Amino acid sequence: MQMTTTHTIEGSHISQYLGIVTGEAILGANIFRDFFAGIRDIVGGRSNAYEEVLREGRDAALREMEAEAAKRGANAIVGIDIDYSTVGQSGSMLMVSCTGTAVTIQPGTAR
């Protein structure tokens, strides 16, 4: 399935709009990851542990959205927006949500 943040797919014609599709992932923070990230904040540099959590959350949300689009008969999703936020007491959990429009495209028939 083709997925893009743009509203069109170059070289293809959108033949049918199948509605908005979404995906969400909520991931708990790990106390050890938080501890080592705090140390990283003091000494500087990137936090590989948090970057990996962000990747996992994004990938899970995109897979969920893709599955919903496939159920509707889509072969592409356009206009994807990905948002990150913290939820729970004291922001202890990360939520990744994505939305897009499920469509059917016909490759090579752009108008």
C-alpha atoms as a PDB file:
ATOM      1  CA  MET A   1       0.000   0.000   0.000  1.00  0.00           C
ATOM      2  CA  GLN A   2       1.332   3.404  -0.921  1.00  0.00           C
ATOM      3  CA  MET A   3       1.270   5.939   1.902  1.00  0.00           C
ATOM      4  CA  THR A   4       2.167   9.608   1.647  1.00  0.00           C
ATOM      5  CA  THR A   5       1.824  12.892   3.486  1.00  0.00           C
ATOM      6  CA  THR A   6       0.939  14.603   0.207  1.00  0.00           C
ATOM      7  CA  HIS A   7      -2.617  14.791  -1.093  1.00  0.00           C
ATOM      8  CA  THR A   8      -1.786  13.164  -4.430  1.00  0.00           C
ATOM      9  CA  ILE A   9       0.498  10.448  -5.688  1.00  0.00           C
ATOM     10  CA  GLU A  10       2.383  11.673  -8.734  1.00  0.00           C
ATOM     11  CA  GLY A  11       1.670   9.639 -11.834  1.00  0.00           C
ATOM     12  CA  SER A  12      -1.522   8.161 -10.380  1.00  0.00           C
ATOM     13  CA  HIS A  13      -5.185   9.134 -10.456  1.00  0.00           C
ATOM     14  CA  ILE A  14      -7.294   8.868  -7.315  1.00  0.00           C
ATOM     15  CA  SER A  15     -10.405   7.071  -8.498  1.00  0.00           C
ATOM     16  CA  GLN A  16     -12.216   6.716  -5.180  1.00  0.00           C
ATOM     17  CA  TYR A  17     -12.070   8.314  -1.738  1.00  0.00           C
ATOM     18  CA  LEU A  18     -12.907   5.784   0.973  1.00  0.00           C
ATOM     19  CA  GLY A  19     -12.847   8.001   4.055  1.00  0.00           C
ATOM     20  CA  ILE A  20     -10.580   8.976   6.908  1.00  0.00           C
ATOM     21  CA  VAL A  21      -8.547   6.221   8.534  1.00  0.00           C
ATOM     22  CA  THR A  22      -6.683   6.406  11.830  1.00  0.00           C
ATOM     23  CA  GLY A  23      -4.122   4.543  13.864  1.00  0.00           C
ATOM     24  CA  GLU A  24      -3.067   5.004  17.473  1.00  0.00           C
ATOM     25  CA  ALA A  25      -0.389   3.559  19.688  1.00  0.00           C
ATOM     26  CA  ILE A  26       0.129   4.266  23.377  1.00  0.00           C
ATOM     27  CA  LEU A  27       3.428   3.193  24.866  1.00  0.00           C
ATOM     28  CA  GLY A  28       4.405   3.201  28.526  1.00  0.00           C
ATOM     29  CA  ALA A  29       7.654   4.741  29.624  1.00  0.00           C
ATOM     30  CA  ASN A  30      10.204   2.470  31.265  1.00  0.00           C
ATOM     31  CA  ILE A  31      11.749   3.621  34.555  1.00  0.00           C
ATOM     32  CA  PHE A  32      15.271   2.576  33.465  1.00  0.00           C
ATOM     33  CA  ARG A  33      14.869   4.295  30.092  1.00  0.00           C
ATOM     34  CA  ASP A  34      13.722   7.443  31.926  1.00  0.00           C
ATOM     35  CA  PHE A  35      16.701   7.260  34.282  1.00  0.00           C
ATOM     36  CA  PHE A  36      19.255   6.924  31.490  1.00  0.00           C
ATOM     37  CA  ALA A  37      17.502   9.576  29.394  1.00  0.00           C
ATOM     38  CA  GLY A  38      17.787  11.931  32.389  1.00  0.00           C
ATOM     39  CA  ILE A  39      21.517  11.295  32.525  1.00  0.00           C
ATOM     40  CA  ARG A  40      21.719  11.902  28.768  1.00  0.00           C
ATOM     41  CA  ASP A  41      19.948  15.255  29.293  1.00  0.00           C
ATOM     42  CA  ILE A  42      22.663  16.273  31.757  1.00  0.00           C
ATOM     43  CA  VAL A  43      25.662  15.223  29.669  1.00  0.00           C
ATOM     44  CA  GLY A  44      24.132  15.964  26.264  1.00  0.00           C
ATOM     45  CA  GLY A  45      23.594  13.847  23.180  1.00  0.00           C
ATOM     46  CA  ARG A  46      20.765  11.843  21.709  1.00  0.00           C
ATOM     47  CA  SER A  47      18.622   9.405  23.637  1.00  0.00           C
ATOM     48  CA  ASN A  48      18.609   6.239  21.546  1.00  0.00           C
ATOM     49  CA  ALA A  49      16.139   4.568  23.908  1.00  0.00           C
ATOM     50  CA  TYR A  50      13.514   7.283  23.401  1.00  0.00           C
ATOM     51  CA  GLU A  51      14.180   7.457  19.668  1.00  0.00           C
ATOM     52  CA  GLU A  52      13.494   3.721  19.441  1.00  0.00           C
ATOM     53  CA  VAL A  53      10.214   4.130  21.373  1.00  0.00           C
ATOM     54  CA  LEU A  54       9.153   6.910  18.997  1.00  0.00           C
ATOM     55  CA  ARG A  55       9.924   4.680  15.990  1.00  0.00           C
ATOM     56  CA  GLU A  56       8.025   1.732  17.486  1.00  0.00           C
ATOM     57  CA  GLY A  57       5.000   3.895  18.245  1.00  0.00           C
ATOM     58  CA  ARG A  58       4.961   5.505  14.817  1.00  0.00           C
ATOM     59  CA  ASP A  59       5.321   2.158  13.046  1.00  0.00           C
ATOM     60  CA  ALA A  60       2.521   0.583  15.122  1.00  0.00           C
ATOM     61  CA  ALA A  61       0.145   3.492  14.457  1.00  0.00           C
ATOM     62  CA  LEU A  62       0.901   3.427  10.721  1.00  0.00           C
ATOM     63  CA  ARG A  63       0.335  -0.353  10.568  1.00  0.00           C
ATOM     64  CA  GLU A  64      -3.026   0.048  12.328  1.00  0.00           C
ATOM     65  CA  MET A  65      -4.061   2.804   9.914  1.00  0.00           C
ATOM     66  CA  GLU A  66      -2.923   0.716   6.926  1.00  0.00           C
ATOM     67  CA  ALA A  67      -4.973  -2.275   8.137  1.00  0.00           C
ATOM     68  CA  GLU A  68      -8.088  -0.095   8.439  1.00  0.00           C
ATOM     69  CA  ALA A  69      -7.557   1.249   4.904  1.00  0.00           C
ATOM     70  CA  ALA A  70      -7.101  -2.277   3.520  1.00  0.00           C
ATOM     71  CA  LYS A  71     -10.416  -3.342   5.111  1.00  0.00           C
ATOM     72  CA  ARG A  72     -12.077  -0.556   3.130  1.00  0.00           C
ATOM     73  CA  GLY A  73     -10.516  -1.760  -0.119  1.00  0.00           C
ATOM     74  CA  ALA A  74      -7.932   1.014  -0.419  1.00  0.00           C
ATOM     75  CA  ASN A  75      -4.603   0.602  -2.141  1.00  0.00           C
ATOM     76  CA  ALA A  76      -3.178   3.927  -0.898  1.00  0.00           C
ATOM     77  CA  ILE A  77      -3.452   6.472   1.905  1.00  0.00           C
ATOM     78  CA  VAL A  78      -2.896  10.168   1.197  1.00  0.00           C
ATOM     79  CA  GLY A  79      -2.635  13.252   3.400  1.00  0.00           C
ATOM     80  CA  ILE A  80      -1.096  11.394   6.339  1.00  0.00           C
ATOM     81  CA  ASP A  81      -0.548  13.408   9.516  1.00  0.00           C
ATOM     82  CA  ILE A  82       1.397  11.986  12.465  1.00  0.00           C
ATOM     83  CA  ASP A  83       1.097  13.497  15.946  1.00  0.00           C
ATOM     84  CA  TYR A  84       2.965  12.727  19.167  1.00  0.00           C
ATOM     85  CA  SER A  85       1.769  13.581  22.667  1.00  0.00           C
ATOM     86  CA  THR A  86       2.149  12.453  26.241  1.00  0.00           C
ATOM     87  CA  VAL A  87      -0.753  11.096  28.276  1.00  0.00           C
ATOM     88  CA  GLY A  88      -1.280   9.663  31.745  1.00  0.00           C
ATOM     89  CA  GLN A  89      -0.269  10.933  35.111  1.00  0.00           C
ATOM     90  CA  SER A  90       2.727  13.238  34.773  1.00  0.00           C
ATOM     91  CA  GLY A  91       2.996  12.441  31.060  1.00  0.00           C
ATOM     92  CA  SER A  92       4.251   8.936  31.711  1.00  0.00           C
ATOM     93  CA  MET A  93       2.990   7.494  28.439  1.00  0.00           C
ATOM     94  CA  LEU A  94       3.590   8.384  24.813  1.00  0.00           C
ATOM     95  CA  MET A  95       0.722   8.445  22.326  1.00  0.00           C
ATOM     96  CA  VAL A  96       1.303   8.402  18.597  1.00  0.00           C
ATOM     97  CA  SER A  97      -1.702   9.008  16.382  1.00  0.00           C
ATOM     98  CA  CYS A  98      -1.921   9.188  12.631  1.00  0.00           C
ATOM     99  CA  THR A  99      -4.724  10.060  10.256  1.00  0.00           C
ATOM    100  CA  GLY A 100      -5.036   9.947   6.505  1.00  0.00           C
ATOM    101  CA  THR A 101      -7.495   9.444   3.677  1.00  0.00           C
ATOM    102  CA  ALA A 102      -7.935   5.943   2.301  1.00  0.00           C
ATOM    103  CA  VAL A 103      -8.152   5.972  -1.502  1.00  0.00           C
ATOM    104  CA  THR A 104      -7.979   3.736  -4.515  1.00  0.00           C
ATOM    105  CA  ILE A 105      -5.523   4.857  -7.151  1.00  0.00           C
ATOM    106  CA  GLN A 106      -4.944   3.877 -10.729  1.00  0.00           C
ATOM    107  CA  PRO A 107      -1.201   4.048 -11.468  1.00  0.00           C
ATOM    108  CA  GLY A 108      -0.104   5.761 -14.643  1.00  0.00           C
ATOM    109  CA  THR A 109      -3.412   7.532 -15.228  1.00  0.00           C
ATOM    110  CA  ALA A 110      -2.718  10.962 -13.743  1.00  0.00           C
ATOM    111  CA  ARG A 111      -4.905  13.732 -15.128  1.00  0.00           C
END
